[in-house]
């Protein structure tokens, strides 16, 4: 990979991850570390695909998945799509617990500041958790919407909220 392309890719990821409202304030100033078994950059389509044991870390934020696609338009990353055994973790603030999210697919629409997790979606913070077929989180509004499966036999949204003293 040319040095030019590596620099462009690092800058691209810095833009993608720097605005995450879920992050500790110092996260956005941390380097972004990416590892994968393979990477493919398509300059014409504006897509970069990482596959095989993908790990992206920046400060307290970590995303792992089988594959991660980064989409860019007008020079900026506008979407991050992680698929296959996705795990997202991040700490919102120094005095806040770490949040973990799991699913088969995570779609982060950067301009809308919205993360959608689908496929046995689960969000866990300390001992509290909620599950559903689809969970949508709006970063700006700190608004979570959880959805069960479709039809009478679909998965229902499940929440477990521990008493204040038990969640420690």
N, C-alpha and C. Protein backbone atom coordinates (compact mmCIF):
# COMPACT_ATOMS: atom_id res chain seq x y z
N UNK A 1 0.86 -1.17 0.00
CA UNK A 1 0.00 0.00 0.00
C UNK A 1 0.90 1.22 0.00
N UNK A 2 0.62 2.16 -0.87
CA UNK A 2 1.42 3.38 -0.96
C UNK A 2 1.26 4.21 0.31
N UNK A 3 2.33 4.96 0.65
CA UNK A 3 2.28 5.84 1.82
C UNK A 3 1.17 6.86 1.69
N UNK A 4 0.96 7.38 0.48
CA UNK A 4 -0.12 8.32 0.21
C UNK A 4 -1.47 7.73 0.60
N UNK A 5 -1.71 6.50 0.19
CA UNK A 5 -2.99 5.84 0.48
C UNK A 5 -3.15 5.61 1.98
N UNK A 6 -2.06 5.21 2.66
CA UNK A 6 -2.13 5.00 4.10
C UNK A 6 -2.47 6.29 4.83
N UNK A 7 -1.85 7.39 4.43
CA UNK A 7 -2.13 8.69 5.05
C UNK A 7 -3.57 9.09 4.82
N UNK A 8 -4.05 8.90 3.60
CA UNK A 8 -5.43 9.23 3.26
C UNK A 8 -6.40 8.41 4.09
N UNK A 9 -6.09 7.11 4.24
CA UNK A 9 -6.96 6.22 5.00
C UNK A 9 -6.99 6.61 6.47
N UNK A 10 -5.84 6.94 7.05
CA UNK A 10 -5.80 7.36 8.45
C UNK A 10 -6.60 8.64 8.66
N UNK A 11 -6.46 9.58 7.75
CA UNK A 11 -7.23 10.83 7.84
C UNK A 11 -8.72 10.57 7.71
N UNK A 12 -9.06 9.68 6.82
CA UNK A 12 -10.46 9.32 6.59
C UNK A 12 -11.08 8.74 7.85
N UNK A 13 -10.38 7.83 8.50
CA UNK A 13 -10.89 7.23 9.73
C UNK A 13 -10.95 8.23 10.87
N UNK A 14 -9.99 9.15 10.93
CA UNK A 14 -10.00 10.17 11.97
C UNK A 14 -11.26 11.02 11.87
N UNK A 15 -11.65 11.36 10.65
CA UNK A 15 -12.88 12.13 10.44
C UNK A 15 -14.08 11.32 10.85
N UNK A 16 -14.08 10.04 10.51
CA UNK A 16 -15.23 9.18 10.81
C UNK A 16 -15.45 9.03 12.29
N UNK A 17 -14.39 8.87 13.04
CA UNK A 17 -14.52 8.55 14.45
C UNK A 17 -14.49 9.77 15.35
N UNK A 18 -14.03 10.90 14.88
CA UNK A 18 -13.80 12.04 15.77
C UNK A 18 -15.07 12.64 16.34
N UNK A 19 -16.20 12.48 15.69
CA UNK A 19 -17.41 13.14 16.16
C UNK A 19 -18.29 12.28 17.04
N UNK A 20 -17.85 11.12 17.45
CA UNK A 20 -18.71 10.23 18.21
C UNK A 20 -19.06 10.84 19.57
N UNK A 21 -20.35 11.10 19.77
CA UNK A 21 -20.80 11.71 21.02
C UNK A 21 -20.74 10.74 22.19
N UNK A 22 -20.65 9.44 21.90
CA UNK A 22 -20.58 8.46 22.97
C UNK A 22 -19.21 8.40 23.61
N UNK A 23 -18.25 9.10 23.07
CA UNK A 23 -16.86 8.94 23.47
C UNK A 23 -16.47 9.80 24.65
N UNK A 24 -15.45 9.31 25.37
CA UNK A 24 -14.79 10.19 26.33
C UNK A 24 -14.23 11.37 25.55
N UNK A 25 -14.17 12.56 26.14
CA UNK A 25 -13.68 13.72 25.40
C UNK A 25 -12.30 13.51 24.79
N UNK A 26 -11.43 12.78 25.49
CA UNK A 26 -10.09 12.57 24.96
C UNK A 26 -10.02 11.50 23.87
N UNK A 27 -11.08 10.71 23.68
CA UNK A 27 -11.08 9.67 22.65
C UNK A 27 -10.78 10.23 21.26
N UNK A 28 -11.41 11.34 20.92
CA UNK A 28 -11.26 11.88 19.57
C UNK A 28 -9.83 12.34 19.27
N UNK A 29 -9.02 12.53 20.30
CA UNK A 29 -7.62 12.93 20.10
C UNK A 29 -6.66 11.75 20.11
N UNK A 30 -7.19 10.57 20.29
CA UNK A 30 -6.36 9.37 20.32
C UNK A 30 -6.15 8.84 18.89
N UNK A 31 -5.05 8.14 18.67
CA UNK A 31 -4.83 7.54 17.35
C UNK A 31 -5.85 6.43 17.10
N UNK A 32 -6.15 6.20 15.84
CA UNK A 32 -7.05 5.13 15.44
C UNK A 32 -6.19 3.95 15.00
N UNK A 33 -6.43 2.81 15.62
CA UNK A 33 -5.70 1.59 15.28
C UNK A 33 -6.64 0.60 14.63
N UNK A 34 -6.27 0.12 13.47
CA UNK A 34 -7.10 -0.83 12.72
C UNK A 34 -6.27 -2.05 12.41
N UNK A 35 -6.86 -3.21 12.64
CA UNK A 35 -6.21 -4.43 12.20
C UNK A 35 -7.26 -5.33 11.56
N UNK A 36 -6.85 -6.04 10.53
CA UNK A 36 -7.73 -6.95 9.81
C UNK A 36 -6.85 -7.92 9.02
N UNK A 37 -7.45 -9.00 8.59
CA UNK A 37 -6.72 -9.96 7.77
C UNK A 37 -6.50 -9.41 6.36
N UNK A 38 -7.41 -8.54 5.91
CA UNK A 38 -7.32 -8.00 4.55
C UNK A 38 -7.99 -6.64 4.48
N UNK A 39 -7.49 -5.78 3.59
CA UNK A 39 -8.09 -4.46 3.36
C UNK A 39 -8.12 -4.20 1.86
N UNK A 40 -9.24 -3.64 1.38
CA UNK A 40 -9.39 -3.27 -0.02
C UNK A 40 -9.90 -1.84 -0.09
N UNK A 41 -9.18 -0.98 -0.81
CA UNK A 41 -9.57 0.42 -0.97
C UNK A 41 -9.99 0.63 -2.42
N UNK A 42 -11.23 1.10 -2.60
CA UNK A 42 -11.74 1.40 -3.94
C UNK A 42 -11.96 2.90 -4.02
N UNK A 43 -10.98 3.62 -4.58
CA UNK A 43 -11.06 5.07 -4.67
C UNK A 43 -12.23 5.54 -5.54
N UNK A 44 -12.57 4.77 -6.57
CA UNK A 44 -13.65 5.19 -7.47
C UNK A 44 -15.01 5.18 -6.78
N UNK A 45 -15.28 4.15 -6.00
CA UNK A 45 -16.58 4.08 -5.32
C UNK A 45 -16.56 4.77 -3.96
N UNK A 46 -15.37 5.06 -3.44
CA UNK A 46 -15.26 5.70 -2.12
C UNK A 46 -15.48 4.72 -0.98
N UNK A 47 -15.22 3.44 -1.24
CA UNK A 47 -15.45 2.40 -0.23
C UNK A 47 -14.13 1.74 0.17
N UNK A 48 -13.95 1.56 1.46
CA UNK A 48 -12.83 0.79 1.98
C UNK A 48 -13.42 -0.37 2.76
N UNK A 49 -12.96 -1.59 2.45
CA UNK A 49 -13.46 -2.79 3.11
C UNK A 49 -12.34 -3.49 3.85
N UNK A 50 -12.58 -3.73 5.14
CA UNK A 50 -11.67 -4.52 5.96
C UNK A 50 -12.38 -5.84 6.23
N UNK A 51 -11.66 -6.95 6.11
CA UNK A 51 -12.30 -8.24 6.36
C UNK A 51 -11.38 -9.16 7.15
N UNK A 52 -12.00 -10.07 7.87
CA UNK A 52 -11.29 -11.05 8.66
C UNK A 52 -10.79 -10.50 9.99
N UNK A 53 -11.49 -10.81 11.06
CA UNK A 53 -11.07 -10.41 12.41
C UNK A 53 -10.75 -8.92 12.49
N UNK A 54 -11.68 -8.08 12.09
CA UNK A 54 -11.46 -6.64 12.06
C UNK A 54 -11.57 -6.08 13.47
N UNK A 55 -10.63 -5.20 13.80
CA UNK A 55 -10.63 -4.52 15.09
C UNK A 55 -10.28 -3.06 14.84
N UNK A 56 -11.14 -2.16 15.32
CA UNK A 56 -10.90 -0.72 15.21
C UNK A 56 -10.94 -0.17 16.63
N UNK A 57 -9.89 0.55 17.03
CA UNK A 57 -9.84 1.12 18.38
C UNK A 57 -9.43 2.58 18.30
N UNK A 58 -10.11 3.39 19.13
CA UNK A 58 -9.74 4.79 19.32
C UNK A 58 -10.14 5.17 20.74
N UNK A 59 -9.15 5.33 21.60
CA UNK A 59 -9.45 5.64 22.99
C UNK A 59 -10.27 4.53 23.61
N UNK A 60 -11.41 4.87 24.23
CA UNK A 60 -12.26 3.87 24.87
C UNK A 60 -13.17 3.14 23.89
N UNK A 61 -13.22 3.60 22.63
CA UNK A 61 -14.08 2.98 21.63
C UNK A 61 -13.40 1.81 20.96
N UNK A 62 -14.13 0.71 20.83
CA UNK A 62 -13.61 -0.45 20.11
C UNK A 62 -14.76 -1.08 19.33
N UNK A 63 -14.48 -1.41 18.07
CA UNK A 63 -15.43 -2.14 17.23
C UNK A 63 -14.71 -3.38 16.73
N UNK A 64 -15.34 -4.55 16.91
CA UNK A 64 -14.83 -5.77 16.30
C UNK A 64 -15.93 -6.38 15.46
N UNK A 65 -15.55 -6.98 14.34
CA UNK A 65 -16.51 -7.61 13.43
C UNK A 65 -15.75 -8.47 12.44
N UNK A 66 -16.49 -9.27 11.69
CA UNK A 66 -15.85 -10.04 10.62
C UNK A 66 -15.47 -9.14 9.46
N UNK A 67 -16.33 -8.11 9.20
CA UNK A 67 -16.06 -7.20 8.09
C UNK A 67 -16.54 -5.80 8.45
N UNK A 68 -15.78 -4.79 8.02
CA UNK A 68 -16.18 -3.39 8.20
C UNK A 68 -16.00 -2.67 6.86
N UNK A 69 -17.07 -2.01 6.42
CA UNK A 69 -17.04 -1.20 5.19
C UNK A 69 -17.15 0.26 5.59
N UNK A 70 -16.25 1.08 5.08
CA UNK A 70 -16.30 2.53 5.28
C UNK A 70 -16.70 3.16 3.96
N UNK A 71 -17.71 4.02 3.98
CA UNK A 71 -18.20 4.68 2.78
C UNK A 71 -17.91 6.17 2.90
N UNK A 72 -17.46 6.75 1.81
CA UNK A 72 -17.19 8.19 1.84
C UNK A 72 -17.87 8.84 0.64
N UNK A 73 -18.26 10.11 0.87
CA UNK A 73 -18.80 10.91 -0.22
C UNK A 73 -18.30 12.33 0.00
N UNK A 74 -17.94 12.99 -1.07
CA UNK A 74 -17.38 14.35 -1.00
C UNK A 74 -16.18 14.43 -0.06
N UNK A 75 -15.38 13.37 -0.02
CA UNK A 75 -14.16 13.36 0.77
C UNK A 75 -14.32 13.02 2.24
N UNK A 76 -15.56 12.90 2.73
CA UNK A 76 -15.79 12.61 4.14
C UNK A 76 -16.44 11.23 4.29
N UNK A 77 -16.12 10.54 5.37
CA UNK A 77 -16.78 9.28 5.67
C UNK A 77 -18.20 9.60 6.12
N UNK A 78 -19.18 8.94 5.49
CA UNK A 78 -20.56 9.21 5.89
C UNK A 78 -21.27 7.97 6.45
N UNK A 79 -20.59 6.80 6.37
CA UNK A 79 -21.21 5.58 6.87
C UNK A 79 -20.15 4.55 7.22
N UNK A 80 -20.38 3.85 8.33
CA UNK A 80 -19.55 2.72 8.72
C UNK A 80 -20.49 1.54 8.91
N UNK A 81 -20.25 0.46 8.17
CA UNK A 81 -21.09 -0.73 8.24
C UNK A 81 -20.24 -1.91 8.70
N UNK A 82 -20.54 -2.44 9.89
CA UNK A 82 -19.84 -3.60 10.43
C UNK A 82 -20.78 -4.79 10.39
N UNK A 83 -20.28 -5.93 9.93
CA UNK A 83 -21.12 -7.12 9.84
C UNK A 83 -20.39 -8.34 10.39
N UNK A 84 -21.18 -9.28 10.90
CA UNK A 84 -20.64 -10.53 11.38
C UNK A 84 -20.10 -10.47 12.79
N UNK A 85 -20.90 -10.92 13.73
CA UNK A 85 -20.49 -10.99 15.13
C UNK A 85 -19.91 -9.66 15.63
N UNK A 86 -20.71 -8.60 15.51
CA UNK A 86 -20.27 -7.24 15.83
C UNK A 86 -20.29 -7.01 17.34
N UNK A 87 -19.24 -6.35 17.83
CA UNK A 87 -19.18 -5.91 19.22
C UNK A 87 -18.69 -4.46 19.20
N UNK A 88 -19.47 -3.57 19.79
CA UNK A 88 -19.13 -2.15 19.91
C UNK A 88 -19.06 -1.84 21.39
N UNK A 89 -17.98 -1.19 21.83
CA UNK A 89 -17.90 -0.79 23.23
C UNK A 89 -17.33 0.61 23.31
N UNK A 90 -17.84 1.38 24.30
CA UNK A 90 -17.33 2.73 24.50
C UNK A 90 -17.78 3.24 25.86
N UNK A 91 -16.99 4.16 26.40
CA UNK A 91 -17.31 4.81 27.66
C UNK A 91 -17.68 6.25 27.36
N UNK A 92 -18.87 6.67 27.77
CA UNK A 92 -19.37 8.00 27.45
C UNK A 92 -18.62 9.10 28.19
N UNK A 93 -18.30 8.86 29.43
CA UNK A 93 -17.61 9.86 30.26
C UNK A 93 -16.86 9.12 31.35
N UNK A 94 -15.89 9.80 31.95
CA UNK A 94 -15.05 9.19 32.97
C UNK A 94 -15.88 8.61 34.11
N UNK A 95 -16.99 9.27 34.48
CA UNK A 95 -17.81 8.81 35.59
C UNK A 95 -18.97 7.91 35.14
N UNK A 96 -18.97 7.51 33.88
CA UNK A 96 -20.03 6.65 33.34
C UNK A 96 -19.48 5.26 33.06
N UNK A 97 -20.33 4.25 33.17
CA UNK A 97 -19.86 2.89 32.89
C UNK A 97 -19.69 2.66 31.38
N UNK A 98 -18.96 1.62 31.06
CA UNK A 98 -18.76 1.23 29.65
C UNK A 98 -20.06 0.66 29.12
N UNK A 99 -20.40 1.03 27.89
CA UNK A 99 -21.55 0.47 27.20
C UNK A 99 -21.05 -0.51 26.15
N UNK A 100 -21.66 -1.69 26.12
CA UNK A 100 -21.35 -2.71 25.12
C UNK A 100 -22.58 -2.97 24.29
N UNK A 101 -22.39 -3.07 22.98
CA UNK A 101 -23.50 -3.39 22.07
C UNK A 101 -23.05 -4.55 21.19
N UNK A 102 -23.99 -5.46 20.93
CA UNK A 102 -23.70 -6.66 20.16
C UNK A 102 -24.78 -6.86 19.12
N UNK A 103 -24.44 -7.50 18.03
CA UNK A 103 -25.42 -7.85 17.00
C UNK A 103 -24.71 -8.46 15.81
N UNK A 104 -25.48 -8.76 14.79
CA UNK A 104 -24.89 -9.29 13.56
C UNK A 104 -24.51 -8.18 12.58
N UNK A 105 -25.09 -6.99 12.80
CA UNK A 105 -24.80 -5.88 11.89
C UNK A 105 -24.93 -4.56 12.64
N UNK A 106 -23.99 -3.63 12.38
CA UNK A 106 -24.06 -2.29 12.95
C UNK A 106 -23.88 -1.30 11.82
N UNK A 107 -24.82 -0.39 11.68
CA UNK A 107 -24.79 0.61 10.63
C UNK A 107 -24.74 1.99 11.29
N UNK A 108 -23.60 2.67 11.14
CA UNK A 108 -23.41 3.99 11.76
C UNK A 108 -23.51 5.02 10.66
N UNK A 109 -24.60 5.80 10.66
CA UNK A 109 -24.82 6.89 9.70
C UNK A 109 -24.30 8.16 10.37
N UNK A 110 -23.14 8.61 9.95
CA UNK A 110 -22.43 9.68 10.64
C UNK A 110 -23.18 11.01 10.58
N UNK A 111 -23.67 11.40 9.40
CA UNK A 111 -24.38 12.68 9.28
C UNK A 111 -25.64 12.71 10.15
N UNK A 112 -26.35 11.59 10.24
CA UNK A 112 -27.55 11.51 11.07
C UNK A 112 -27.21 11.24 12.54
N UNK A 113 -25.92 10.89 12.80
CA UNK A 113 -25.44 10.57 14.14
C UNK A 113 -26.30 9.48 14.76
N UNK A 114 -26.45 8.39 13.99
CA UNK A 114 -27.34 7.32 14.39
C UNK A 114 -26.68 5.96 14.16
N UNK A 115 -26.76 5.10 15.18
CA UNK A 115 -26.23 3.75 15.09
C UNK A 115 -27.41 2.79 15.14
N UNK A 116 -27.47 1.88 14.16
CA UNK A 116 -28.51 0.86 14.13
C UNK A 116 -27.85 -0.51 14.24
N UNK A 117 -28.26 -1.29 15.23
CA UNK A 117 -27.74 -2.63 15.44
C UNK A 117 -28.88 -3.61 15.18
N UNK A 118 -28.63 -4.61 14.34
CA UNK A 118 -29.66 -5.58 14.00
C UNK A 118 -29.13 -7.00 14.14
N UNK A 119 -30.05 -7.94 14.16
CA UNK A 119 -29.69 -9.35 14.26
C UNK A 119 -29.33 -9.72 15.69
N UNK A 120 -30.33 -10.07 16.49
CA UNK A 120 -30.11 -10.39 17.90
C UNK A 120 -29.35 -9.27 18.61
N UNK A 121 -29.84 -8.07 18.45
CA UNK A 121 -29.19 -6.88 19.01
C UNK A 121 -29.30 -6.89 20.53
N UNK A 122 -28.21 -6.46 21.18
CA UNK A 122 -28.18 -6.43 22.64
C UNK A 122 -27.29 -5.28 23.08
N UNK A 123 -27.76 -4.50 24.05
CA UNK A 123 -26.98 -3.42 24.63
C UNK A 123 -26.89 -3.69 26.13
N UNK A 124 -25.67 -3.62 26.67
CA UNK A 124 -25.43 -3.92 28.08
C UNK A 124 -24.63 -2.78 28.70
N UNK A 125 -25.11 -2.32 29.87
CA UNK A 125 -24.37 -1.33 30.64
C UNK A 125 -24.43 -1.79 32.09
N UNK A 126 -23.28 -2.17 32.62
CA UNK A 126 -23.19 -2.82 33.92
C UNK A 126 -24.09 -4.05 33.89
N UNK A 127 -25.05 -4.14 34.82
CA UNK A 127 -25.93 -5.32 34.84
C UNK A 127 -27.26 -5.07 34.14
N UNK A 128 -27.47 -3.86 33.63
CA UNK A 128 -28.69 -3.55 32.89
C UNK A 128 -28.49 -3.94 31.43
N UNK A 129 -29.57 -4.42 30.80
CA UNK A 129 -29.45 -4.80 29.40
C UNK A 129 -30.81 -4.70 28.72
N UNK A 130 -30.77 -4.56 27.40
CA UNK A 130 -31.99 -4.74 26.64
C UNK A 130 -31.64 -5.37 25.31
N UNK A 131 -32.58 -6.18 24.83
CA UNK A 131 -32.37 -6.93 23.60
C UNK A 131 -33.57 -6.75 22.68
N UNK A 132 -33.35 -6.95 21.43
CA UNK A 132 -34.39 -6.89 20.42
C UNK A 132 -33.79 -7.31 19.09
N UNK A 133 -34.62 -7.38 18.10
CA UNK A 133 -34.11 -7.69 16.76
C UNK A 133 -33.37 -6.49 16.18
N UNK A 134 -33.79 -5.28 16.59
CA UNK A 134 -33.18 -4.06 16.07
C UNK A 134 -33.16 -3.00 17.16
N UNK A 135 -32.00 -2.34 17.32
CA UNK A 135 -31.86 -1.26 18.28
C UNK A 135 -31.26 -0.07 17.54
N UNK A 136 -31.92 1.09 17.67
CA UNK A 136 -31.47 2.31 17.01
C UNK A 136 -31.12 3.33 18.09
N UNK A 137 -29.90 3.88 18.00
CA UNK A 137 -29.44 4.85 19.00
C UNK A 137 -29.07 6.15 18.31
N UNK A 138 -29.74 7.25 18.72
CA UNK A 138 -29.42 8.57 18.20
C UNK A 138 -28.43 9.22 19.16
N UNK A 139 -27.22 9.49 18.67
CA UNK A 139 -26.14 10.00 19.51
C UNK A 139 -26.43 11.39 20.06
N UNK A 140 -27.01 12.28 19.24
CA UNK A 140 -27.26 13.65 19.68
C UNK A 140 -28.34 13.73 20.75
N UNK A 141 -29.37 12.92 20.61
CA UNK A 141 -30.50 12.98 21.53
C UNK A 141 -30.40 11.96 22.66
N UNK A 142 -29.38 11.08 22.62
CA UNK A 142 -29.27 9.96 23.57
C UNK A 142 -30.60 9.21 23.64
N UNK A 143 -31.17 8.96 22.48
CA UNK A 143 -32.47 8.32 22.36
C UNK A 143 -32.30 6.91 21.81
N UNK A 144 -32.84 5.92 22.51
CA UNK A 144 -32.76 4.52 22.09
C UNK A 144 -34.14 4.03 21.73
N UNK A 145 -34.26 3.39 20.57
CA UNK A 145 -35.48 2.71 20.16
C UNK A 145 -35.14 1.25 19.93
N UNK A 146 -35.90 0.35 20.55
CA UNK A 146 -35.68 -1.08 20.38
C UNK A 146 -36.92 -1.68 19.74
N UNK A 147 -36.71 -2.64 18.83
CA UNK A 147 -37.80 -3.25 18.08
C UNK A 147 -37.68 -4.77 18.16
N UNK A 148 -38.84 -5.44 18.32
CA UNK A 148 -38.86 -6.90 18.29
C UNK A 148 -38.93 -7.37 16.86
N UNK A 149 -38.97 -8.67 16.68
CA UNK A 149 -39.09 -9.25 15.35
C UNK A 149 -40.48 -9.03 14.79
N UNK A 150 -40.63 -9.26 13.51
CA UNK A 150 -41.92 -9.05 12.86
C UNK A 150 -42.78 -10.30 12.97
N UNK A 151 -44.09 -10.12 12.97
CA UNK A 151 -45.01 -11.24 13.02
C UNK A 151 -45.23 -11.72 14.44
N UNK A 152 -46.18 -12.62 14.61
CA UNK A 152 -46.54 -13.14 15.92
C UNK A 152 -45.46 -13.98 16.58
N UNK A 153 -44.53 -14.55 15.77
CA UNK A 153 -43.51 -15.41 16.34
C UNK A 153 -42.18 -14.68 16.51
N UNK A 154 -42.14 -13.39 16.26
CA UNK A 154 -40.89 -12.64 16.31
C UNK A 154 -40.40 -12.40 17.73
N UNK A 155 -39.14 -12.05 17.82
CA UNK A 155 -38.51 -11.75 19.10
C UNK A 155 -39.11 -10.48 19.68
N UNK A 156 -39.40 -10.49 20.97
CA UNK A 156 -39.92 -9.31 21.65
C UNK A 156 -38.76 -8.55 22.26
N UNK A 157 -38.95 -7.26 22.49
CA UNK A 157 -37.94 -6.45 23.17
C UNK A 157 -37.93 -6.87 24.63
N UNK A 158 -36.76 -7.11 25.16
CA UNK A 158 -36.60 -7.52 26.56
C UNK A 158 -35.68 -6.53 27.26
N UNK A 159 -36.05 -6.11 28.46
CA UNK A 159 -35.20 -5.20 29.24
C UNK A 159 -34.99 -5.80 30.62
N UNK A 160 -33.79 -5.66 31.14
CA UNK A 160 -33.47 -6.05 32.50
C UNK A 160 -32.84 -4.83 33.16
N UNK A 161 -33.53 -4.29 34.15
CA UNK A 161 -33.03 -3.11 34.87
C UNK A 161 -32.86 -3.52 36.33
N UNK A 162 -31.62 -3.45 36.79
CA UNK A 162 -31.31 -3.85 38.15
C UNK A 162 -31.65 -2.72 39.12
N UNK A 163 -31.99 -3.05 40.37
CA UNK A 163 -32.16 -2.02 41.39
C UNK A 163 -30.86 -1.23 41.50
N UNK A 164 -30.97 0.03 41.87
CA UNK A 164 -29.81 0.94 41.89
C UNK A 164 -28.60 0.33 42.61
N UNK A 165 -28.79 -0.27 43.76
CA UNK A 165 -27.69 -0.84 44.51
C UNK A 165 -27.10 -2.09 43.86
N UNK A 166 -27.87 -2.83 43.08
CA UNK A 166 -27.42 -4.08 42.47
C UNK A 166 -26.62 -3.86 41.20
N UNK A 167 -26.74 -2.71 40.57
CA UNK A 167 -26.08 -2.47 39.28
C UNK A 167 -24.60 -2.16 39.42
N UNK A 168 -24.08 -2.10 40.62
CA UNK A 168 -22.67 -1.76 40.81
C UNK A 168 -21.77 -2.83 40.34
